[in-house]
Amino acid sequence: MITPAPLAAQTNYQVRFGRGIDALQSVGAYADVVIWVDALPEPSGTDDLHEATGRRSANRGHDSHAHGWSELVGVPIIHADLTNRSAAAKWMLEKQVEAGDRVSVAVVAASDGVEDTLAAGSVIDALAALGIDFSSPEAAVVCASFTALKRAVGHLFSASIAGRALIAAHGEAGAQIVSDASGIDSQNSVVA
């Protein structure tokens, strides 16, 4: 007898949403692909801001691998944020074309912070723009938060707890990282 997926997996829907490392298992493990959304790096306090400009801190990357990332064997995973949301959506569409059938996607926000919520919503919005829009209620709500606040993203990123922490830790360089991270579709590639 096959055990049905838990309700948290949102398997009735093509586009699903979850938050944090635990969602990699509760939502991601039941999807065909995962888009991990991490909008801002952690303020590491290191002198090497080149790592921070990658938009994903080494700590978050390490934690994600240690707490479930590597357990999603066979599930393609990419990193996305506001800057490459459309590229992530195009990647997802390519996976669907390759499969020749509808492919499910779990959009997983790294945290419950404002910046990750908005970035995840932006990815879901970009998916919908390509016709991948059979979204769970959870995904629809996050998407609506982005579409309603799209014009305020720059301010919300810099005023968020994570944005203020980066600016406090790195001054002008931190402010530039936050500004760059809020540039919608400023990048055209994804990181696997």
Protein backbone atom coordinates (compact mmCIF):
# COMPACT_ATOMS: atom_id res chain seq x y z
CA MET A 1 0.00 0.00 0.00
CA ILE A 2 1.35 3.43 -0.98
CA THR A 3 1.34 6.00 1.78
CA PRO A 4 -0.31 9.21 0.57
CA ALA A 5 1.64 12.45 0.74
CA PRO A 6 0.89 14.65 3.75
CA LEU A 7 -1.42 17.62 3.25
CA ALA A 8 1.56 19.95 3.79
CA ALA A 9 3.04 18.65 0.51
CA GLN A 10 0.26 20.42 -1.43
CA THR A 11 0.33 17.66 -4.05
CA ASN A 12 -3.03 18.70 -5.51
CA TYR A 13 -1.28 21.71 -7.03
CA GLN A 14 1.46 22.26 -9.58
CA VAL A 15 3.01 25.27 -7.81
CA ARG A 16 3.59 24.77 -4.09
CA PHE A 17 5.13 26.88 -1.36
CA GLY A 18 6.99 26.27 1.87
CA ARG A 19 9.32 28.05 4.27
CA GLY A 20 12.65 27.01 5.67
CA ILE A 21 14.78 23.90 5.67
CA ASP A 22 11.93 21.69 6.91
CA ALA A 23 9.91 22.56 3.79
CA LEU A 24 12.54 20.84 1.66
CA GLN A 25 11.15 17.60 3.08
CA SER A 26 7.50 18.51 3.69
CA VAL A 27 6.96 20.16 0.29
CA GLY A 28 10.11 19.75 -1.82
CA ALA A 29 10.43 15.99 -1.51
CA TYR A 30 7.00 15.61 -3.17
CA ALA A 31 7.71 17.94 -6.10
CA ASP A 32 9.46 17.33 -9.41
CA VAL A 33 11.72 20.38 -8.97
CA VAL A 34 12.59 22.77 -6.14
CA ILE A 35 13.33 26.47 -6.36
CA TRP A 36 15.16 27.56 -3.18
CA VAL A 37 14.63 31.29 -2.59
CA ASP A 38 17.16 33.15 -0.47
CA ALA A 39 17.03 36.88 -1.14
CA LEU A 40 19.75 38.27 1.14
CA PRO A 41 22.94 36.85 2.63
CA GLU A 42 23.39 36.61 6.37
CA PRO A 43 25.49 39.46 7.76
CA SER A 44 28.59 37.34 8.29
CA GLY A 45 30.81 40.01 9.71
CA THR A 46 33.64 38.84 7.45
CA ASP A 47 35.79 41.21 5.47
CA ASP A 48 35.12 39.34 2.24
CA LEU A 49 31.97 40.92 0.85
CA HIS A 50 32.44 39.13 -2.47
CA GLU A 51 30.81 36.09 -0.85
CA ALA A 52 27.90 38.23 0.28
CA THR A 53 27.29 39.61 -3.19
CA GLY A 54 26.43 36.05 -4.25
CA ARG A 55 23.14 36.64 -2.39
CA ARG A 56 23.43 33.37 -0.49
CA SER A 57 25.65 33.08 2.52
CA ALA A 58 27.96 30.14 2.98
CA ASN A 59 26.20 29.47 6.27
CA ARG A 60 22.76 29.20 4.71
CA GLY A 61 24.09 27.02 1.92
CA HIS A 62 25.83 24.75 4.40
CA ASP A 63 22.76 24.56 6.63
CA SER A 64 20.51 23.69 3.72
CA HIS A 65 22.77 20.80 2.70
CA ALA A 66 23.12 19.59 6.27
CA HIS A 67 19.41 19.66 7.02
CA GLY A 68 17.75 18.01 4.08
CA TRP A 69 19.16 19.37 0.84
CA SER A 70 21.19 16.29 0.06
CA GLU A 71 18.25 14.03 0.92
CA LEU A 72 16.30 15.25 -2.10
CA VAL A 73 18.08 12.82 -4.38
CA GLY A 74 16.87 13.06 -7.95
CA VAL A 75 15.00 16.35 -7.43
CA PRO A 76 16.61 19.20 -9.38
CA ILE A 77 17.15 22.26 -7.18
CA ILE A 78 18.05 25.79 -8.20
CA HIS A 79 18.58 28.99 -6.22
CA ALA A 80 16.50 32.04 -7.03
CA ASP A 81 15.69 35.49 -5.72
CA LEU A 82 14.24 38.74 -7.05
CA THR A 83 17.15 39.30 -9.39
CA ASN A 84 16.70 36.08 -11.38
CA ARG A 85 13.04 35.23 -10.85
CA SER A 86 12.19 35.19 -14.56
CA ALA A 87 15.26 33.07 -15.34
CA ALA A 88 14.12 30.60 -12.66
CA ALA A 89 10.64 30.49 -14.18
CA LYS A 90 12.11 29.86 -17.64
CA TRP A 91 14.26 27.06 -16.18
CA MET A 92 11.12 25.50 -14.72
CA LEU A 93 9.31 25.78 -18.06
CA GLU A 94 12.27 24.08 -19.79
CA LYS A 95 12.03 21.19 -17.30
CA GLN A 96 8.35 20.87 -18.16
CA VAL A 97 9.01 20.88 -21.91
CA GLU A 98 11.74 18.24 -21.44
CA ALA A 99 9.32 16.06 -19.47
CA GLY A 100 6.56 16.48 -22.03
CA ASP A 101 4.07 16.75 -19.18
CA ARG A 102 3.14 19.05 -16.33
CA VAL A 103 5.97 19.27 -13.78
CA SER A 104 5.34 20.24 -10.16
CA VAL A 105 7.50 22.83 -8.44
CA ALA A 106 8.09 23.60 -4.77
CA VAL A 107 9.10 27.20 -4.22
CA VAL A 108 10.79 27.22 -0.81
CA ALA A 109 11.65 30.47 0.97
CA ALA A 110 14.82 30.18 3.05
CA SER A 111 13.16 32.06 5.92
CA ASP A 112 9.93 33.72 6.94
CA GLY A 113 11.54 37.14 6.53
CA VAL A 114 10.03 39.89 4.43
CA GLU A 115 12.77 39.61 1.81
CA ASP A 116 12.41 35.85 1.27
CA THR A 117 8.60 36.07 1.26
CA LEU A 118 8.63 38.78 -1.40
CA ALA A 119 11.29 37.02 -3.46
CA ALA A 120 9.39 33.71 -3.33
CA GLY A 121 6.22 35.54 -4.36
CA SER A 122 8.10 37.09 -7.26
CA VAL A 123 9.22 33.65 -8.47
CA ILE A 124 5.64 32.36 -8.27
CA ASP A 125 4.48 35.47 -10.16
CA ALA A 126 7.09 34.81 -12.88
CA LEU A 127 5.93 31.20 -13.13
CA ALA A 128 2.34 32.39 -13.55
CA ALA A 129 3.44 34.78 -16.31
CA LEU A 130 4.64 31.70 -18.24
CA GLY A 131 1.38 29.84 -17.68
CA ILE A 132 2.56 27.74 -14.72
CA ASP A 133 -0.17 28.97 -12.44
CA PHE A 134 -2.07 26.08 -10.85
CA SER A 135 -0.97 27.28 -7.42
CA SER A 136 -1.73 26.08 -3.92
CA PRO A 137 -3.42 28.63 -1.63
CA GLU A 138 -0.09 29.02 0.17
CA ALA A 139 1.68 29.86 -3.09
CA ALA A 140 -1.13 32.19 -4.20
CA VAL A 141 -0.97 34.22 -0.98
CA VAL A 142 2.81 34.67 -1.22
CA CYS A 143 2.48 35.64 -4.88
CA ALA A 144 -0.21 38.20 -4.02
CA SER A 145 2.07 39.76 -1.41
CA PHE A 146 4.69 40.37 -4.09
CA THR A 147 2.30 41.68 -6.73
CA ALA A 148 0.67 44.06 -4.24
CA LEU A 149 4.01 45.36 -2.97
CA LYS A 150 6.13 45.15 -6.13
CA ARG A 151 6.71 48.90 -6.33
CA ALA A 152 7.92 49.03 -2.71
CA VAL A 153 10.37 46.12 -2.86
CA GLY A 154 13.51 48.27 -2.65
CA HIS A 155 12.27 50.06 0.45
CA LEU A 156 10.97 46.88 2.06
CA PHE A 157 14.30 45.10 1.53
CA SER A 158 16.29 47.93 3.11
CA ALA A 159 13.81 48.38 5.97
CA SER A 160 13.50 44.66 6.74
CA ILE A 161 15.28 43.08 9.69
CA ALA A 162 17.70 41.23 7.37
CA GLY A 163 18.34 44.34 5.28
CA ARG A 164 19.00 46.52 8.31
CA ALA A 165 21.32 43.84 9.75
CA LEU A 166 23.37 43.73 6.53
CA ILE A 167 23.61 47.51 6.42
CA ALA A 168 24.60 47.64 10.10
CA ALA A 169 27.27 44.96 9.59
CA HIS A 170 28.75 46.29 6.34
CA GLY A 171 27.77 49.96 6.00
CA GLU A 172 27.70 51.25 2.45
CA ALA A 173 28.77 47.88 1.05
CA GLY A 174 25.85 46.24 2.86
CA ALA A 175 23.47 48.89 1.55
CA GLN A 176 24.72 48.14 -1.97
CA ILE A 177 24.15 44.41 -1.47
CA VAL A 178 20.58 45.09 -0.32
CA SER A 179 19.98 47.46 -3.23
CA ASP A 180 21.36 44.97 -5.76
CA ALA A 181 19.27 42.15 -4.25
CA SER A 182 16.08 44.14 -4.78
CA GLY A 183 16.73 44.60 -8.52
CA ILE A 184 13.87 42.67 -10.09
CA ASP A 185 15.09 40.58 -13.05
CA SER A 186 18.54 42.20 -13.04
CA GLN A 187 20.18 38.78 -13.63
CA ASN A 188 19.39 36.26 -16.35
CA SER A 189 20.86 33.05 -14.98
CA VAL A 190 20.13 30.59 -12.19
CA VAL A 191 22.44 28.79 -9.78
CA ALA A 192 22.04 25.03 -9.37
